[in-house]
N, C-alpha and C. Protein backbone atom coordinates (compact mmCIF):
# COMPACT_ATOMS: atom_id res chain seq x y z
N UNK A 1 -98.28 48.25 88.33
CA UNK A 1 -97.66 49.56 88.34
C UNK A 1 -97.65 50.12 86.92
N UNK A 2 -98.04 51.36 86.79
CA UNK A 2 -98.06 52.00 85.48
C UNK A 2 -96.66 52.48 85.10
N UNK A 3 -96.47 52.73 83.80
CA UNK A 3 -95.18 53.26 83.37
C UNK A 3 -94.89 54.61 84.01
N UNK A 4 -95.91 55.45 84.11
CA UNK A 4 -95.71 56.76 84.74
C UNK A 4 -95.23 56.62 86.17
N UNK A 5 -95.80 55.68 86.90
CA UNK A 5 -95.37 55.45 88.29
C UNK A 5 -93.95 54.90 88.32
N UNK A 6 -93.65 54.01 87.42
CA UNK A 6 -92.32 53.38 87.39
C UNK A 6 -91.22 54.39 87.04
N UNK A 7 -91.52 55.27 86.07
CA UNK A 7 -90.51 56.23 85.61
C UNK A 7 -90.62 57.59 86.29
N UNK A 8 -91.56 57.76 87.19
CA UNK A 8 -91.69 59.02 87.90
C UNK A 8 -92.38 60.12 87.11
N UNK A 9 -93.13 59.74 86.10
CA UNK A 9 -93.85 60.71 85.27
C UNK A 9 -94.07 60.12 83.89
N UNK A 10 -94.83 60.84 83.08
CA UNK A 10 -95.07 60.31 81.74
C UNK A 10 -93.87 60.62 80.83
N UNK A 11 -93.93 60.12 79.63
CA UNK A 11 -92.82 60.23 78.68
C UNK A 11 -92.36 61.67 78.49
N UNK A 12 -93.30 62.60 78.47
CA UNK A 12 -92.95 63.99 78.19
C UNK A 12 -92.39 64.70 79.41
N UNK A 13 -92.63 64.17 80.58
CA UNK A 13 -92.09 64.77 81.81
C UNK A 13 -90.71 64.23 82.17
N UNK A 14 -90.49 62.96 81.88
CA UNK A 14 -89.24 62.31 82.28
C UNK A 14 -88.62 61.56 81.10
N UNK A 15 -88.51 62.25 79.98
CA UNK A 15 -88.03 61.64 78.75
C UNK A 15 -86.70 60.90 78.94
N UNK A 16 -85.75 61.51 79.62
CA UNK A 16 -84.42 60.90 79.78
C UNK A 16 -84.50 59.55 80.49
N UNK A 17 -85.37 59.40 81.45
CA UNK A 17 -85.51 58.12 82.15
C UNK A 17 -86.01 57.05 81.20
N UNK A 18 -86.97 57.42 80.38
CA UNK A 18 -87.49 56.46 79.39
C UNK A 18 -86.38 56.10 78.38
N UNK A 19 -85.72 57.12 77.86
CA UNK A 19 -84.70 56.90 76.85
C UNK A 19 -83.53 56.07 77.39
N UNK A 20 -83.12 56.30 78.62
CA UNK A 20 -82.00 55.55 79.20
C UNK A 20 -82.29 54.05 79.31
N UNK A 21 -83.55 53.67 79.37
CA UNK A 21 -83.89 52.25 79.48
C UNK A 21 -84.36 51.66 78.15
N UNK A 22 -84.33 52.44 77.11
CA UNK A 22 -84.78 51.97 75.80
C UNK A 22 -83.66 51.22 75.07
N UNK A 23 -83.96 50.05 74.53
CA UNK A 23 -82.96 49.35 73.72
C UNK A 23 -82.49 50.18 72.53
N UNK A 24 -83.35 51.05 72.02
CA UNK A 24 -82.97 51.87 70.86
C UNK A 24 -81.75 52.74 71.15
N UNK A 25 -81.61 53.19 72.38
CA UNK A 25 -80.47 54.04 72.73
C UNK A 25 -79.14 53.30 72.52
N UNK A 26 -79.18 51.98 72.65
CA UNK A 26 -77.95 51.19 72.61
C UNK A 26 -77.82 50.35 71.34
N UNK A 27 -78.66 50.61 70.35
CA UNK A 27 -78.65 49.81 69.12
C UNK A 27 -77.30 49.86 68.42
N UNK A 28 -76.58 50.94 68.54
CA UNK A 28 -75.28 51.05 67.88
C UNK A 28 -74.23 50.15 68.50
N UNK A 29 -74.51 49.60 69.66
CA UNK A 29 -73.54 48.73 70.35
C UNK A 29 -73.78 47.24 70.06
N UNK A 30 -74.88 46.91 69.43
CA UNK A 30 -75.25 45.51 69.18
C UNK A 30 -74.39 44.94 68.07
N UNK A 31 -73.79 43.79 68.31
CA UNK A 31 -72.98 43.11 67.31
C UNK A 31 -73.51 41.71 67.01
N UNK A 32 -74.27 41.15 67.94
CA UNK A 32 -74.82 39.80 67.81
C UNK A 32 -76.03 39.81 66.88
N UNK A 33 -76.13 38.84 65.97
CA UNK A 33 -77.32 38.74 65.12
C UNK A 33 -78.58 38.60 65.98
N UNK A 34 -79.66 39.26 65.55
CA UNK A 34 -80.89 39.31 66.36
C UNK A 34 -82.08 38.83 65.54
N UNK A 35 -82.80 37.86 66.08
CA UNK A 35 -84.06 37.39 65.52
C UNK A 35 -85.18 37.97 66.36
N UNK A 36 -86.08 38.70 65.73
CA UNK A 36 -87.20 39.32 66.43
C UNK A 36 -88.47 38.58 66.02
N UNK A 37 -89.09 37.91 66.98
CA UNK A 37 -90.37 37.24 66.76
C UNK A 37 -91.41 38.07 67.48
N UNK A 38 -92.35 38.63 66.74
CA UNK A 38 -93.28 39.58 67.35
C UNK A 38 -94.71 39.24 67.03
N UNK A 39 -95.56 39.28 68.04
CA UNK A 39 -96.99 39.07 67.85
C UNK A 39 -97.66 40.35 67.37
N UNK A 40 -98.47 40.22 66.34
CA UNK A 40 -99.16 41.38 65.78
C UNK A 40 -100.13 42.01 66.79
N UNK A 41 -100.70 41.19 67.67
CA UNK A 41 -101.69 41.67 68.64
C UNK A 41 -101.09 41.81 70.05
N UNK A 42 -99.79 42.06 70.12
CA UNK A 42 -99.11 42.21 71.42
C UNK A 42 -99.53 43.54 72.04
N UNK A 43 -100.22 43.48 73.16
CA UNK A 43 -100.66 44.68 73.85
C UNK A 43 -99.63 45.22 74.83
N UNK A 44 -98.64 44.42 75.16
CA UNK A 44 -97.61 44.85 76.10
C UNK A 44 -96.48 45.58 75.38
N UNK A 45 -96.05 45.03 74.25
CA UNK A 45 -95.03 45.66 73.42
C UNK A 45 -95.63 45.82 72.03
N UNK A 46 -96.11 47.01 71.70
CA UNK A 46 -96.76 47.21 70.40
C UNK A 46 -95.83 46.86 69.23
N UNK A 47 -96.43 46.40 68.15
CA UNK A 47 -95.66 45.99 66.97
C UNK A 47 -94.73 47.09 66.50
N UNK A 48 -95.14 48.33 66.59
CA UNK A 48 -94.29 49.43 66.13
C UNK A 48 -92.95 49.45 66.86
N UNK A 49 -92.92 49.00 68.12
CA UNK A 49 -91.65 48.99 68.85
C UNK A 49 -90.72 47.90 68.31
N UNK A 50 -91.30 46.76 67.95
CA UNK A 50 -90.50 45.72 67.32
C UNK A 50 -89.94 46.17 65.98
N UNK A 51 -90.77 46.90 65.24
CA UNK A 51 -90.33 47.43 63.95
C UNK A 51 -89.24 48.48 64.11
N UNK A 52 -89.36 49.33 65.13
CA UNK A 52 -88.33 50.33 65.39
C UNK A 52 -87.00 49.65 65.74
N UNK A 53 -87.06 48.62 66.56
CA UNK A 53 -85.86 47.89 66.96
C UNK A 53 -85.21 47.27 65.72
N UNK A 54 -86.02 46.65 64.88
CA UNK A 54 -85.53 46.04 63.64
C UNK A 54 -84.84 47.08 62.75
N UNK A 55 -85.50 48.23 62.55
CA UNK A 55 -84.94 49.28 61.68
C UNK A 55 -83.65 49.85 62.27
N UNK A 56 -83.61 50.02 63.58
CA UNK A 56 -82.39 50.54 64.22
C UNK A 56 -81.23 49.56 64.03
N UNK A 57 -81.48 48.28 64.24
CA UNK A 57 -80.42 47.28 64.07
C UNK A 57 -79.95 47.25 62.62
N UNK A 58 -80.88 47.28 61.68
CA UNK A 58 -80.52 47.31 60.26
C UNK A 58 -79.67 48.54 59.95
N UNK A 59 -80.06 49.68 60.51
CA UNK A 59 -79.33 50.92 60.29
C UNK A 59 -77.86 50.78 60.70
N UNK A 60 -77.62 50.06 61.79
CA UNK A 60 -76.25 49.89 62.28
C UNK A 60 -75.58 48.63 61.74
N UNK A 61 -76.19 48.01 60.73
CA UNK A 61 -75.54 46.90 60.04
C UNK A 61 -75.61 45.56 60.77
N UNK A 62 -76.51 45.44 61.71
CA UNK A 62 -76.64 44.19 62.46
C UNK A 62 -77.47 43.20 61.63
N UNK A 63 -77.01 41.97 61.54
CA UNK A 63 -77.78 40.91 60.89
C UNK A 63 -79.03 40.68 61.72
N UNK A 64 -80.18 40.94 61.14
CA UNK A 64 -81.42 40.83 61.90
C UNK A 64 -82.58 40.41 61.01
N UNK A 65 -83.55 39.81 61.62
CA UNK A 65 -84.76 39.35 60.93
C UNK A 65 -85.95 39.66 61.83
N UNK A 66 -87.02 40.17 61.24
CA UNK A 66 -88.26 40.44 61.96
C UNK A 66 -89.34 39.53 61.38
N UNK A 67 -89.94 38.72 62.25
CA UNK A 67 -91.03 37.83 61.85
C UNK A 67 -92.25 38.21 62.67
N UNK A 68 -93.31 38.59 61.98
CA UNK A 68 -94.55 39.02 62.65
C UNK A 68 -95.57 37.90 62.56
N UNK A 69 -96.15 37.56 63.70
CA UNK A 69 -97.14 36.49 63.78
C UNK A 69 -98.54 37.09 63.90
N UNK A 70 -99.39 36.87 62.89
CA UNK A 70 -100.75 37.40 62.95
C UNK A 70 -101.49 36.88 64.18
N UNK A 71 -102.26 37.72 64.80
CA UNK A 71 -103.08 37.39 65.96
C UNK A 71 -102.25 37.07 67.20
N UNK A 72 -100.94 37.09 67.10
CA UNK A 72 -100.09 36.72 68.22
C UNK A 72 -100.09 37.75 69.33
N UNK A 73 -100.29 37.31 70.57
CA UNK A 73 -100.22 38.21 71.72
C UNK A 73 -98.79 38.24 72.25
N UNK A 74 -98.59 38.82 73.40
CA UNK A 74 -97.24 38.93 73.96
C UNK A 74 -96.63 37.55 74.24
N UNK A 75 -97.43 36.61 74.66
CA UNK A 75 -96.90 35.28 75.01
C UNK A 75 -97.18 34.22 73.96
N UNK A 76 -97.31 34.62 72.71
CA UNK A 76 -97.69 33.65 71.68
C UNK A 76 -96.68 32.52 71.50
N UNK A 77 -95.41 32.77 71.81
CA UNK A 77 -94.37 31.75 71.57
C UNK A 77 -94.53 30.52 72.45
N UNK A 78 -95.21 30.67 73.57
CA UNK A 78 -95.42 29.51 74.44
C UNK A 78 -96.89 29.22 74.69
N UNK A 79 -97.73 30.24 74.63
CA UNK A 79 -99.13 30.03 74.96
C UNK A 79 -100.10 30.43 73.86
N UNK A 80 -99.59 30.56 72.64
CA UNK A 80 -100.44 30.97 71.54
C UNK A 80 -101.00 29.80 70.77
N UNK A 81 -101.37 30.08 69.54
CA UNK A 81 -101.90 29.04 68.67
C UNK A 81 -100.81 27.98 68.46
N UNK A 82 -101.17 26.70 68.56
CA UNK A 82 -100.15 25.64 68.43
C UNK A 82 -99.30 25.76 67.17
N UNK A 83 -99.92 26.11 66.06
CA UNK A 83 -99.16 26.24 64.81
C UNK A 83 -98.11 27.34 64.93
N UNK A 84 -98.46 28.45 65.60
CA UNK A 84 -97.51 29.54 65.75
C UNK A 84 -96.40 29.21 66.74
N UNK A 85 -96.74 28.44 67.76
CA UNK A 85 -95.71 28.00 68.72
C UNK A 85 -94.66 27.17 67.97
N UNK A 86 -95.12 26.26 67.14
CA UNK A 86 -94.20 25.41 66.36
C UNK A 86 -93.41 26.26 65.38
N UNK A 87 -94.08 27.18 64.71
CA UNK A 87 -93.39 28.03 63.73
C UNK A 87 -92.32 28.89 64.42
N UNK A 88 -92.63 29.43 65.58
CA UNK A 88 -91.65 30.23 66.32
C UNK A 88 -90.44 29.37 66.71
N UNK A 89 -90.70 28.16 67.14
CA UNK A 89 -89.59 27.25 67.47
C UNK A 89 -88.74 26.94 66.24
N UNK A 90 -89.39 26.74 65.10
CA UNK A 90 -88.66 26.47 63.87
C UNK A 90 -87.78 27.65 63.48
N UNK A 91 -88.31 28.86 63.63
CA UNK A 91 -87.51 30.05 63.36
C UNK A 91 -86.30 30.11 64.28
N UNK A 92 -86.50 29.83 65.57
CA UNK A 92 -85.39 29.88 66.53
C UNK A 92 -84.34 28.82 66.21
N UNK A 93 -84.78 27.62 65.86
CA UNK A 93 -83.84 26.56 65.50
C UNK A 93 -83.04 26.93 64.25
N UNK A 94 -83.74 27.48 63.26
CA UNK A 94 -83.06 27.89 62.03
C UNK A 94 -82.03 28.96 62.33
N UNK A 95 -82.41 29.96 63.14
CA UNK A 95 -81.51 31.06 63.48
C UNK A 95 -80.27 30.57 64.21
N UNK A 96 -80.49 29.70 65.20
CA UNK A 96 -79.36 29.17 65.97
C UNK A 96 -78.43 28.33 65.08
N UNK A 97 -79.00 27.50 64.25
CA UNK A 97 -78.18 26.69 63.35
C UNK A 97 -77.40 27.59 62.39
N UNK A 98 -78.01 28.65 61.97
CA UNK A 98 -77.37 29.57 61.02
C UNK A 98 -76.14 30.24 61.62
N UNK A 99 -76.23 30.63 62.89
CA UNK A 99 -75.14 31.39 63.48
C UNK A 99 -74.26 30.61 64.46
N UNK A 100 -74.72 29.45 64.89
CA UNK A 100 -73.92 28.67 65.83
C UNK A 100 -73.36 27.40 65.22
N UNK A 101 -73.63 27.19 63.96
CA UNK A 101 -73.10 26.02 63.30
C UNK A 101 -74.06 24.85 63.34
N UNK A 102 -73.58 23.71 62.97
CA UNK A 102 -74.44 22.54 62.90
C UNK A 102 -75.06 22.44 61.53
N UNK A 103 -76.18 21.75 61.45
CA UNK A 103 -76.88 21.62 60.18
C UNK A 103 -77.43 22.98 59.79
N UNK A 104 -76.82 23.58 58.83
CA UNK A 104 -77.21 24.95 58.45
C UNK A 104 -78.24 24.91 57.34
N UNK A 105 -79.48 25.22 57.67
CA UNK A 105 -80.53 25.22 56.64
C UNK A 105 -80.31 26.35 55.65
N UNK A 106 -80.72 26.13 54.40
CA UNK A 106 -80.50 27.12 53.36
C UNK A 106 -81.51 28.25 53.38
N UNK A 107 -82.73 27.97 53.78
CA UNK A 107 -83.76 29.01 53.77
C UNK A 107 -84.50 29.00 55.11
N UNK A 108 -85.01 30.16 55.49
CA UNK A 108 -85.76 30.21 56.75
C UNK A 108 -87.09 29.49 56.62
N UNK A 109 -87.75 29.19 57.73
CA UNK A 109 -89.05 28.55 57.68
C UNK A 109 -90.03 29.39 56.86
N UNK A 110 -90.97 28.72 56.24
CA UNK A 110 -91.98 29.43 55.42
C UNK A 110 -92.87 30.26 56.32
N UNK A 111 -93.19 31.49 55.88
CA UNK A 111 -94.07 32.34 56.71
C UNK A 111 -95.49 31.81 56.74
């Protein structure tokens, strides 16, 4: 199903429907720290959308980090290059330890 079919028209015809389902509309309500792991070659969610989400969260003072994985597709965290799968897991572990307690690492994983 295309986005136009799902939303009943393209972005310019049914803007409010698109906006009502956009995370950007609700960025001011986010209080939880957010780690964004994004594949550079993601064809489903373009990198610019991850960057917009990151900038919106930063604008509203949310603790957030954006990590971009070169060559990464939409499913790189589980089905991508083995090195990137491990790196994504390391980022997630570091983030969770940072905000949920436990062994709190001093620096994030190396890019």
